[in-house]
Protein backbone atom coordinates (compact mmCIF):
# COMPACT_ATOMS: atom_id res chain seq x y z
CA MET A 1 -31.57 -34.87 -16.52
CA VAL A 2 -31.20 -34.64 -20.27
CA VAL A 3 -29.09 -31.49 -20.00
CA ILE A 4 -26.80 -33.12 -17.44
CA TYR A 5 -26.49 -36.22 -19.63
CA ASN A 6 -25.65 -34.12 -22.69
CA HIS A 7 -23.15 -32.11 -20.66
CA PHE A 8 -21.23 -35.23 -19.69
CA LYS A 9 -21.39 -36.46 -23.29
CA GLN A 10 -19.83 -33.07 -24.22
CA LYS A 11 -22.58 -32.19 -26.68
CA TYR A 12 -22.50 -28.53 -25.67
CA SER A 13 -19.82 -26.12 -26.78
CA ALA A 14 -19.41 -22.37 -26.92
CA THR A 15 -21.16 -22.30 -30.30
CA ASN A 16 -23.72 -25.07 -29.68
CA MET A 17 -25.74 -24.13 -26.59
CA LEU A 18 -29.27 -24.30 -28.02
CA GLY A 19 -30.37 -27.33 -25.99
CA PHE A 20 -29.05 -25.79 -22.80
CA GLU A 21 -30.69 -22.43 -23.51
CA LEU A 22 -34.04 -24.06 -24.31
CA ALA A 23 -33.90 -26.06 -21.08
CA ALA A 24 -33.13 -22.90 -19.09
CA THR A 25 -36.01 -21.06 -20.76
CA PHE A 26 -38.37 -23.94 -20.03
CA TRP A 27 -37.44 -24.05 -16.32
CA HIS A 28 -37.80 -20.28 -15.99
CA PHE A 29 -41.25 -20.57 -17.54
CA ILE A 30 -42.17 -23.29 -15.02
CA ASP A 31 -40.89 -21.09 -12.16
CA ILE A 32 -43.04 -18.17 -13.29
CA LEU A 33 -46.02 -20.49 -13.72
CA TRP A 34 -45.69 -21.67 -10.10
CA VAL A 35 -45.55 -18.08 -8.85
CA TYR A 36 -48.71 -17.18 -10.77
CA LEU A 37 -50.45 -20.33 -9.56
CA PHE A 38 -49.54 -19.58 -5.96
CA LEU A 39 -50.73 -15.98 -6.21
CA PHE A 40 -53.94 -17.03 -7.92
CA LEU A 41 -54.76 -19.59 -5.24
CA TYR A 42 -53.79 -17.16 -2.50
CA PHE A 43 -56.08 -14.38 -3.70
CA VAL A 44 -58.99 -16.63 -4.70
CA ARG A 45 -59.37 -17.94 -1.17
């Protein structure tokens, strides 16, 4: 939500993408965490 808000406020430019890149990295980390959690629970049972 913060990234979308900042996008509409035009806070991102071609040279200032740090907030966007950090948000993308965070969500990729969460995706990988869910995959590991699923696999862990699958193989533990």
